[in-house]
Amino acid sequence: ETDETPASSPSLSLQLLEIATSPTASKFLLMLLTPLKRRSKVLDPLEYEVMGPIPTLLNPATGKEVPTSKKNPETRRKELLQYLSKPLKELATEQTEALMRSIAGSQVLKEICLNLGNSNSSGAGGKEIQGAIIDACRTSLEQEKDDGGFNLFEEKVSQIFLKQMLTTSSFAEDFYQAFKSDLMQKVASTNRGAFVVTALLKNTSLRTNVLKELDQDGILEQSKEEGRSTAGFEALLKEMRGGES
């Protein structure tokens, strides 16, 4: 049996990155990654209508739209995805930071985690992809401290992505284990980072342990620093108090 999986290379990863971070081209990766029953959640209504569950081409002879494949659409999607699964997993682990900082790329990264992360096939599995996301977050904290770089917890796009990922139990558990001793001093030390910790607190199985790592008075003091936006700190304090107004 011939392995038709495309060979991995740095150039392939960069080409996929260019597609994944494009607001338009990324839609084709989302169509490939997302099962038909969830596709309307990742495409807006117009995109969903134009791209359709069954791709078609115009037949010049008849002037009619004809399907590009006779196979069941979901069967065909899975076949195509299997062909690209290894390169897409490698994209997720090798270009993690760039994907997290891109609106389109972060959506593609999330769908790779959701739809390829539990695969038992060769290449990066779910834990490895989640580990790459966590490593990117930790590296950004170190670079910010040492070189005046960026903080993925404070970047708008990446912090929204992290909040979405924390709704999945597996990622939330790995994230907590990686950052439990840093939740107060590093993750929740910024306004947007506080939103990330708020999302983590909403995980009922981790809530008690997360609360042990946080200090209401310390967060209140951080929120009072001059010139700071406080919405994230306020949301975190509210969640710590049980979500009451």
C-alpha atoms as a PDB file:
ATOM      1  CA  GLU A   1       0.000   0.000   0.000  1.00  0.00           C
ATOM      2  CA  THR A   2       1.398   3.393  -0.966  1.00  0.00           C
ATOM      3  CA  ASP A   3       1.468   6.172   1.616  1.00  0.00           C
ATOM      4  CA  GLU A   4       0.033   9.195  -0.168  1.00  0.00           C
ATOM      5  CA  THR A   5       0.444  11.563   2.762  1.00  0.00           C
ATOM      6  CA  PRO A   6       2.344  14.620   1.493  1.00  0.00           C
ATOM      7  CA  ALA A   7       5.958  14.779   2.632  1.00  0.00           C
ATOM      8  CA  SER A   8       6.615  17.251   5.424  1.00  0.00           C
ATOM      9  CA  SER A   9       8.870  20.202   4.807  1.00  0.00           C
ATOM     10  CA  PRO A  10       9.400  23.709   6.202  1.00  0.00           C
ATOM     11  CA  SER A  11       8.067  25.170   2.952  1.00  0.00           C
ATOM     12  CA  LEU A  12       4.836  23.149   3.206  1.00  0.00           C
ATOM     13  CA  SER A  13       4.314  24.358   6.770  1.00  0.00           C
ATOM     14  CA  LEU A  14       4.819  27.964   5.688  1.00  0.00           C
ATOM     15  CA  GLN A  15       2.460  27.527   2.750  1.00  0.00           C
ATOM     16  CA  LEU A  16      -0.224  26.114   5.031  1.00  0.00           C
ATOM     17  CA  LEU A  17       0.415  28.958   7.485  1.00  0.00           C
ATOM     18  CA  GLU A  18      -0.202  31.484   4.718  1.00  0.00           C
ATOM     19  CA  ILE A  19      -3.493  29.781   3.885  1.00  0.00           C
ATOM     20  CA  ALA A  20      -4.543  29.368   7.521  1.00  0.00           C
ATOM     21  CA  THR A  21      -3.972  33.036   8.389  1.00  0.00           C
ATOM     22  CA  SER A  22      -5.754  34.364   5.302  1.00  0.00           C
ATOM     23  CA  PRO A  23      -9.301  35.592   6.083  1.00  0.00           C
ATOM     24  CA  THR A  24     -10.518  34.071   2.800  1.00  0.00           C
ATOM     25  CA  ALA A  25      -8.277  31.079   2.051  1.00  0.00           C
ATOM     26  CA  SER A  26      -8.652  29.773   5.620  1.00  0.00           C
ATOM     27  CA  LYS A  27     -12.320  29.017   4.867  1.00  0.00           C
ATOM     28  CA  PHE A  28     -11.242  26.071   2.728  1.00  0.00           C
ATOM     29  CA  LEU A  29      -9.268  24.593   5.630  1.00  0.00           C
ATOM     30  CA  LEU A  30     -12.248  25.149   7.936  1.00  0.00           C
ATOM     31  CA  MET A  31     -14.507  23.334   5.461  1.00  0.00           C
ATOM     32  CA  LEU A  32     -12.057  20.448   5.373  1.00  0.00           C
ATOM     33  CA  LEU A  33     -11.601  20.274   9.152  1.00  0.00           C
ATOM     34  CA  THR A  34     -15.190  20.731  10.265  1.00  0.00           C
ATOM     35  CA  PRO A  35     -17.881  18.013  10.020  1.00  0.00           C
ATOM     36  CA  LEU A  36     -20.952  19.022   8.040  1.00  0.00           C
ATOM     37  CA  LYS A  37     -23.108  19.192  11.168  1.00  0.00           C
ATOM     38  CA  ARG A  38     -20.810  21.871  12.651  1.00  0.00           C
ATOM     39  CA  ARG A  39     -19.896  23.779   9.517  1.00  0.00           C
ATOM     40  CA  SER A  40     -22.514  26.485  10.026  1.00  0.00           C
ATOM     41  CA  LYS A  41     -20.756  27.332  13.321  1.00  0.00           C
ATOM     42  CA  VAL A  42     -17.460  28.243  11.629  1.00  0.00           C
ATOM     43  CA  LEU A  43     -18.815  29.869   8.458  1.00  0.00           C
ATOM     44  CA  ASP A  44     -21.179  32.814   8.344  1.00  0.00           C
ATOM     45  CA  PRO A  45     -24.519  32.248   6.550  1.00  0.00           C
ATOM     46  CA  LEU A  46     -23.359  33.771   3.252  1.00  0.00           C
ATOM     47  CA  GLU A  47     -20.128  31.745   3.214  1.00  0.00           C
ATOM     48  CA  TYR A  48     -22.063  28.615   4.074  1.00  0.00           C
ATOM     49  CA  GLU A  49     -24.506  29.231   1.232  1.00  0.00           C
ATOM     50  CA  VAL A  50     -21.806  30.062  -1.341  1.00  0.00           C
ATOM     51  CA  MET A  51     -19.429  27.235  -0.434  1.00  0.00           C
ATOM     52  CA  GLY A  52     -22.208  24.771   0.283  1.00  0.00           C
ATOM     53  CA  PRO A  53     -22.043  21.273   1.793  1.00  0.00           C
ATOM     54  CA  ILE A  54     -21.537  19.794  -1.701  1.00  0.00           C
ATOM     55  CA  PRO A  55     -18.934  21.656  -3.814  1.00  0.00           C
ATOM     56  CA  THR A  56     -20.006  22.179  -7.419  1.00  0.00           C
ATOM     57  CA  LEU A  57     -18.540  23.418 -10.679  1.00  0.00           C
ATOM     58  CA  LEU A  58     -20.257  24.975 -13.662  1.00  0.00           C
ATOM     59  CA  ASN A  59     -20.574  22.618 -16.648  1.00  0.00           C
ATOM     60  CA  PRO A  60     -19.928  24.865 -19.691  1.00  0.00           C
ATOM     61  CA  ALA A  61     -21.828  22.511 -21.987  1.00  0.00           C
ATOM     62  CA  THR A  62     -25.052  22.499 -19.989  1.00  0.00           C
ATOM     63  CA  GLY A  63     -24.707  25.697 -17.982  1.00  0.00           C
ATOM     64  CA  LYS A  64     -25.601  23.740 -14.839  1.00  0.00           C
ATOM     65  CA  GLU A  65     -23.774  23.255 -11.560  1.00  0.00           C
ATOM     66  CA  VAL A  66     -22.529  19.694 -11.089  1.00  0.00           C
ATOM     67  CA  PRO A  67     -20.981  18.074  -7.965  1.00  0.00           C
ATOM     68  CA  THR A  68     -17.184  17.788  -7.933  1.00  0.00           C
ATOM     69  CA  SER A  69     -17.483  14.266  -6.518  1.00  0.00           C
ATOM     70  CA  LYS A  70     -20.074  11.509  -6.600  1.00  0.00           C
ATOM     71  CA  LYS A  71     -19.181  10.399  -3.071  1.00  0.00           C
ATOM     72  CA  ASN A  72     -21.101  11.328   0.056  1.00  0.00           C
ATOM     73  CA  PRO A  73     -19.833  14.811   1.059  1.00  0.00           C
ATOM     74  CA  GLU A  74     -18.822  13.759   4.567  1.00  0.00           C
ATOM     75  CA  THR A  75     -17.035  10.656   3.279  1.00  0.00           C
ATOM     76  CA  ARG A  76     -15.123  12.762   0.768  1.00  0.00           C
ATOM     77  CA  ARG A  77     -14.239  15.342   3.441  1.00  0.00           C
ATOM     78  CA  LYS A  78     -12.798  12.649   5.713  1.00  0.00           C
ATOM     79  CA  GLU A  79     -10.730  11.196   2.868  1.00  0.00           C
ATOM     80  CA  LEU A  80      -9.242  14.577   2.019  1.00  0.00           C
ATOM     81  CA  LEU A  81      -8.634  15.371   5.679  1.00  0.00           C
ATOM     82  CA  GLN A  82      -6.819  12.083   6.206  1.00  0.00           C
ATOM     83  CA  TYR A  83      -4.469  13.043   3.380  1.00  0.00           C
ATOM     84  CA  LEU A  84      -3.632  16.378   5.025  1.00  0.00           C
ATOM     85  CA  SER A  85      -3.925  15.417   8.694  1.00  0.00           C
ATOM     86  CA  LYS A  86      -0.194  15.031   9.336  1.00  0.00           C
ATOM     87  CA  PRO A  87       0.807  18.365   7.707  1.00  0.00           C
ATOM     88  CA  LEU A  88      -2.019  20.134   9.556  1.00  0.00           C
ATOM     89  CA  LYS A  89      -0.930  18.698  12.905  1.00  0.00           C
ATOM     90  CA  GLU A  90       2.628  19.771  12.186  1.00  0.00           C
ATOM     91  CA  LEU A  91       1.351  23.231  11.280  1.00  0.00           C
ATOM     92  CA  ALA A  92      -0.350  23.379  14.665  1.00  0.00           C
ATOM     93  CA  THR A  93       2.794  22.421  16.580  1.00  0.00           C
ATOM     94  CA  GLU A  94       5.393  24.293  14.499  1.00  0.00           C
ATOM     95  CA  GLN A  95       3.551  27.569  13.816  1.00  0.00           C
ATOM     96  CA  THR A  96       1.529  27.755  17.019  1.00  0.00           C
ATOM     97  CA  GLU A  97       2.320  31.327  18.009  1.00  0.00           C
ATOM     98  CA  ALA A  98       1.628  32.745  14.542  1.00  0.00           C
ATOM     99  CA  LEU A  99      -1.721  30.927  14.398  1.00  0.00           C
ATOM    100  CA  MET A 100      -2.718  32.114  17.873  1.00  0.00           C
ATOM    101  CA  ARG A 101      -2.076  35.762  16.967  1.00  0.00           C
ATOM    102  CA  SER A 102      -4.175  35.596  13.777  1.00  0.00           C
ATOM    103  CA  ILE A 103      -7.977  35.808  13.783  1.00  0.00           C
ATOM    104  CA  ALA A 104      -8.269  33.324  10.927  1.00  0.00           C
ATOM    105  CA  GLY A 105      -5.309  31.231  12.093  1.00  0.00           C
ATOM    106  CA  SER A 106      -6.589  30.850  15.642  1.00  0.00           C
ATOM    107  CA  GLN A 107      -9.894  29.517  14.319  1.00  0.00           C
ATOM    108  CA  VAL A 108      -8.044  26.982  12.163  1.00  0.00           C
ATOM    109  CA  LEU A 109      -5.875  25.990  15.146  1.00  0.00           C
ATOM    110  CA  LYS A 110      -8.956  25.451  17.290  1.00  0.00           C
ATOM    111  CA  GLU A 111     -10.547  23.218  14.648  1.00  0.00           C
ATOM    112  CA  ILE A 112      -7.317  21.222  14.294  1.00  0.00           C
ATOM    113  CA  CYS A 113      -7.400  20.609  18.054  1.00  0.00           C
ATOM    114  CA  LEU A 114     -11.068  19.656  18.026  1.00  0.00           C
ATOM    115  CA  ASN A 115     -11.057  17.469  14.918  1.00  0.00           C
ATOM    116  CA  LEU A 116      -7.537  16.043  14.709  1.00  0.00           C
ATOM    117  CA  GLY A 117      -6.394  16.171  18.315  1.00  0.00           C
ATOM    118  CA  ASN A 118      -7.972  12.861  19.314  1.00  0.00           C
ATOM    119  CA  SER A 119      -6.650  10.975  16.313  1.00  0.00           C
ATOM    120  CA  ASN A 120      -4.598   7.849  16.933  1.00  0.00           C
ATOM    121  CA  SER A 121      -2.828   8.212  13.595  1.00  0.00           C
ATOM    122  CA  SER A 122       0.849   9.060  13.308  1.00  0.00           C
ATOM    123  CA  GLY A 123       2.051  12.581  14.003  1.00  0.00           C
ATOM    124  CA  ALA A 124       1.107  14.996  16.749  1.00  0.00           C
ATOM    125  CA  GLY A 125      -1.829  13.937  18.884  1.00  0.00           C
ATOM    126  CA  GLY A 126      -4.101  16.107  20.987  1.00  0.00           C
ATOM    127  CA  LYS A 127      -1.724  16.335  23.941  1.00  0.00           C
ATOM    128  CA  GLU A 128       1.130  17.425  21.720  1.00  0.00           C
ATOM    129  CA  ILE A 129      -0.943  20.154  20.083  1.00  0.00           C
ATOM    130  CA  GLN A 130      -2.204  21.356  23.466  1.00  0.00           C
ATOM    131  CA  GLY A 131       1.352  21.235  24.757  1.00  0.00           C
ATOM    132  CA  ALA A 132       2.513  23.417  21.866  1.00  0.00           C
ATOM    133  CA  ILE A 133      -0.132  26.025  22.744  1.00  0.00           C
ATOM    134  CA  ILE A 134       0.916  26.022  26.393  1.00  0.00           C
ATOM    135  CA  ASP A 135       4.606  26.205  25.458  1.00  0.00           C
ATOM    136  CA  ALA A 136       3.902  29.195  23.197  1.00  0.00           C
ATOM    137  CA  CYS A 137       2.184  30.958  26.105  1.00  0.00           C
ATOM    138  CA  ARG A 138       5.089  30.287  28.467  1.00  0.00           C
ATOM    139  CA  THR A 139       7.664  31.362  25.889  1.00  0.00           C
ATOM    140  CA  SER A 140       5.799  34.625  25.321  1.00  0.00           C
ATOM    141  CA  LEU A 141       5.953  35.385  29.061  1.00  0.00           C
ATOM    142  CA  GLU A 142       9.709  34.798  29.076  1.00  0.00           C
ATOM    143  CA  GLN A 143      10.279  36.879  25.947  1.00  0.00           C
ATOM    144  CA  GLU A 144       8.178  39.721  27.301  1.00  0.00           C
ATOM    145  CA  LYS A 145      10.267  39.748  30.487  1.00  0.00           C
ATOM    146  CA  ASP A 146      13.671  39.391  28.813  1.00  0.00           C
ATOM    147  CA  ASP A 147      13.267  41.238  25.519  1.00  0.00           C
ATOM    148  CA  GLY A 148      10.239  43.478  25.867  1.00  0.00           C
ATOM    149  CA  GLY A 149       8.269  41.119  23.620  1.00  0.00           C
ATOM    150  CA  PHE A 150       4.580  40.329  23.487  1.00  0.00           C
ATOM    151  CA  ASN A 151       2.420  38.433  25.954  1.00  0.00           C
ATOM    152  CA  LEU A 152      -0.051  35.955  24.431  1.00  0.00           C
ATOM    153  CA  PHE A 153      -2.284  36.365  27.484  1.00  0.00           C
ATOM    154  CA  GLU A 154      -2.511  40.082  26.783  1.00  0.00           C
ATOM    155  CA  GLU A 155      -2.770  39.961  22.978  1.00  0.00           C
ATOM    156  CA  LYS A 156      -6.417  40.423  22.001  1.00  0.00           C
ATOM    157  CA  VAL A 157      -6.735  37.600  19.462  1.00  0.00           C
ATOM    158  CA  SER A 158      -4.710  34.999  21.360  1.00  0.00           C
ATOM    159  CA  GLN A 159      -6.481  35.610  24.674  1.00  0.00           C
ATOM    160  CA  ILE A 160      -9.866  35.120  22.990  1.00  0.00           C
ATOM    161  CA  PHE A 161      -8.541  31.885  21.497  1.00  0.00           C
ATOM    162  CA  LEU A 162      -7.339  30.717  24.926  1.00  0.00           C
ATOM    163  CA  LYS A 163     -10.716  31.473  26.498  1.00  0.00           C
ATOM    164  CA  GLN A 164     -12.395  29.355  23.821  1.00  0.00           C
ATOM    165  CA  MET A 165      -9.939  26.493  24.296  1.00  0.00           C
ATOM    166  CA  LEU A 166     -10.478  26.536  28.074  1.00  0.00           C
ATOM    167  CA  THR A 167     -14.063  25.409  27.524  1.00  0.00           C
ATOM    168  CA  THR A 168     -12.645  21.961  26.685  1.00  0.00           C
ATOM    169  CA  SER A 169     -11.851  19.907  29.781  1.00  0.00           C
ATOM    170  CA  SER A 170      -8.678  18.332  28.423  1.00  0.00           C
ATOM    171  CA  PHE A 171      -7.030  21.650  27.569  1.00  0.00           C
ATOM    172  CA  ALA A 172      -8.229  23.285  30.783  1.00  0.00           C
ATOM    173  CA  GLU A 173      -6.624  20.513  32.871  1.00  0.00           C
ATOM    174  CA  ASP A 174      -3.311  20.733  30.990  1.00  0.00           C
ATOM    175  CA  PHE A 175      -3.343  24.527  31.216  1.00  0.00           C
ATOM    176  CA  TYR A 176      -3.987  24.471  34.950  1.00  0.00           C
ATOM    177  CA  GLN A 177      -1.203  21.974  35.590  1.00  0.00           C
ATOM    178  CA  ALA A 178       1.229  24.085  33.545  1.00  0.00           C
ATOM    179  CA  PHE A 179       0.379  27.471  35.078  1.00  0.00           C
ATOM    180  CA  LYS A 180      -1.130  26.788  38.509  1.00  0.00           C
ATOM    181  CA  SER A 181       1.789  28.374  40.365  1.00  0.00           C
ATOM    182  CA  ASP A 182       1.827  31.353  37.957  1.00  0.00           C
ATOM    183  CA  LEU A 183      -1.888  32.095  37.714  1.00  0.00           C
ATOM    184  CA  MET A 184      -1.729  35.012  40.133  1.00  0.00           C
ATOM    185  CA  GLN A 185       1.629  36.630  39.397  1.00  0.00           C
ATOM    186  CA  LYS A 186       1.888  36.062  35.645  1.00  0.00           C
ATOM    187  CA  VAL A 187      -1.357  35.068  33.923  1.00  0.00           C
ATOM    188  CA  ALA A 188      -3.791  37.223  35.909  1.00  0.00           C
ATOM    189  CA  SER A 189      -1.318  40.101  36.202  1.00  0.00           C
ATOM    190  CA  THR A 190      -2.805  41.817  33.132  1.00  0.00           C
ATOM    191  CA  ASN A 191      -6.349  42.810  32.297  1.00  0.00           C
ATOM    192  CA  ARG A 192      -6.800  40.382  29.400  1.00  0.00           C
ATOM    193  CA  GLY A 193      -4.914  37.679  31.252  1.00  0.00           C
ATOM    194  CA  ALA A 194      -7.498  38.043  34.019  1.00  0.00           C
ATOM    195  CA  PHE A 195     -10.184  37.188  31.449  1.00  0.00           C
ATOM    196  CA  VAL A 196      -8.270  33.968  30.660  1.00  0.00           C
ATOM    197  CA  VAL A 197      -8.188  32.965  34.340  1.00  0.00           C
ATOM    198  CA  THR A 198     -11.900  33.799  34.581  1.00  0.00           C
ATOM    199  CA  ALA A 199     -12.543  31.282  31.798  1.00  0.00           C
ATOM    200  CA  LEU A 200     -10.472  28.692  33.659  1.00  0.00           C
ATOM    201  CA  LEU A 201     -12.494  29.282  36.833  1.00  0.00           C
ATOM    202  CA  LYS A 202     -15.672  28.374  34.977  1.00  0.00           C
ATOM    203  CA  ASN A 203     -14.438  24.784  34.727  1.00  0.00           C
ATOM    204  CA  THR A 204     -16.323  23.211  37.626  1.00  0.00           C
ATOM    205  CA  SER A 205     -13.881  20.347  38.150  1.00  0.00           C
ATOM    206  CA  LEU A 206     -10.922  22.742  38.487  1.00  0.00           C
ATOM    207  CA  ARG A 207     -12.620  25.677  40.205  1.00  0.00           C
ATOM    208  CA  THR A 208     -11.701  24.782  43.793  1.00  0.00           C
ATOM    209  CA  ASN A 209      -8.031  24.261  42.954  1.00  0.00           C
ATOM    210  CA  VAL A 210      -7.840  27.423  40.862  1.00  0.00           C
ATOM    211  CA  LEU A 211      -9.339  29.503  43.674  1.00  0.00           C
ATOM    212  CA  LYS A 212      -6.564  28.300  46.006  1.00  0.00           C
ATOM    213  CA  GLU A 213      -3.991  29.894  43.698  1.00  0.00           C
ATOM    214  CA  LEU A 214      -5.696  33.305  43.584  1.00  0.00           C
ATOM    215  CA  ASP A 215      -5.833  36.236  45.995  1.00  0.00           C
ATOM    216  CA  GLN A 216      -8.763  38.646  45.807  1.00  0.00           C
ATOM    217  CA  ASP A 217      -6.904  41.486  47.540  1.00  0.00           C
ATOM    218  CA  GLY A 218      -3.929  41.133  45.193  1.00  0.00           C
ATOM    219  CA  ILE A 219      -6.139  41.224  42.103  1.00  0.00           C
ATOM    220  CA  LEU A 220      -7.999  44.236  43.485  1.00  0.00           C
ATOM    221  CA  GLU A 221      -4.699  46.067  43.960  1.00  0.00           C
ATOM    222  CA  GLN A 222      -3.602  45.235  40.416  1.00  0.00           C
ATOM    223  CA  SER A 223      -6.867  46.593  39.047  1.00  0.00           C
ATOM    224  CA  LYS A 224      -6.263  49.932  40.811  1.00  0.00           C
ATOM    225  CA  GLU A 225      -2.948  50.645  39.102  1.00  0.00           C
ATOM    226  CA  GLU A 226      -3.176  53.980  37.335  1.00  0.00           C
ATOM    227  CA  GLY A 227      -4.111  53.906  33.667  1.00  0.00           C
ATOM    228  CA  ARG A 228      -5.146  50.250  33.617  1.00  0.00           C
ATOM    229  CA  SER A 229      -8.246  48.867  31.953  1.00  0.00           C
ATOM    230  CA  THR A 230     -10.096  46.971  34.661  1.00  0.00           C
ATOM    231  CA  ALA A 231     -12.842  44.943  32.931  1.00  0.00           C
ATOM    232  CA  GLY A 232     -10.845  41.700  33.098  1.00  0.00           C
ATOM    233  CA  PHE A 233      -9.953  42.119  36.766  1.00  0.00           C
ATOM    234  CA  GLU A 234     -13.580  42.961  37.576  1.00  0.00           C
ATOM    235  CA  ALA A 235     -14.807  39.860  35.730  1.00  0.00           C
ATOM    236  CA  LEU A 236     -12.282  37.700  37.596  1.00  0.00           C
ATOM    237  CA  LEU A 237     -13.218  39.094  41.004  1.00  0.00           C
ATOM    238  CA  LYS A 238     -16.897  38.559  40.232  1.00  0.00           C
ATOM    239  CA  GLU A 239     -16.273  34.940  39.213  1.00  0.00           C
ATOM    240  CA  MET A 240     -14.161  34.343  42.334  1.00  0.00           C
ATOM    241  CA  ARG A 241     -17.050  35.561  44.470  1.00  0.00           C
ATOM    242  CA  GLY A 242     -19.368  33.064  42.819  1.00  0.00           C
ATOM    243  CA  GLY A 243     -20.551  35.141  39.905  1.00  0.00           C
ATOM    244  CA  GLU A 244     -22.819  37.380  41.971  1.00  0.00           C
ATOM    245  CA  SER A 245     -23.285  40.984  40.907  1.00  0.00           C
END
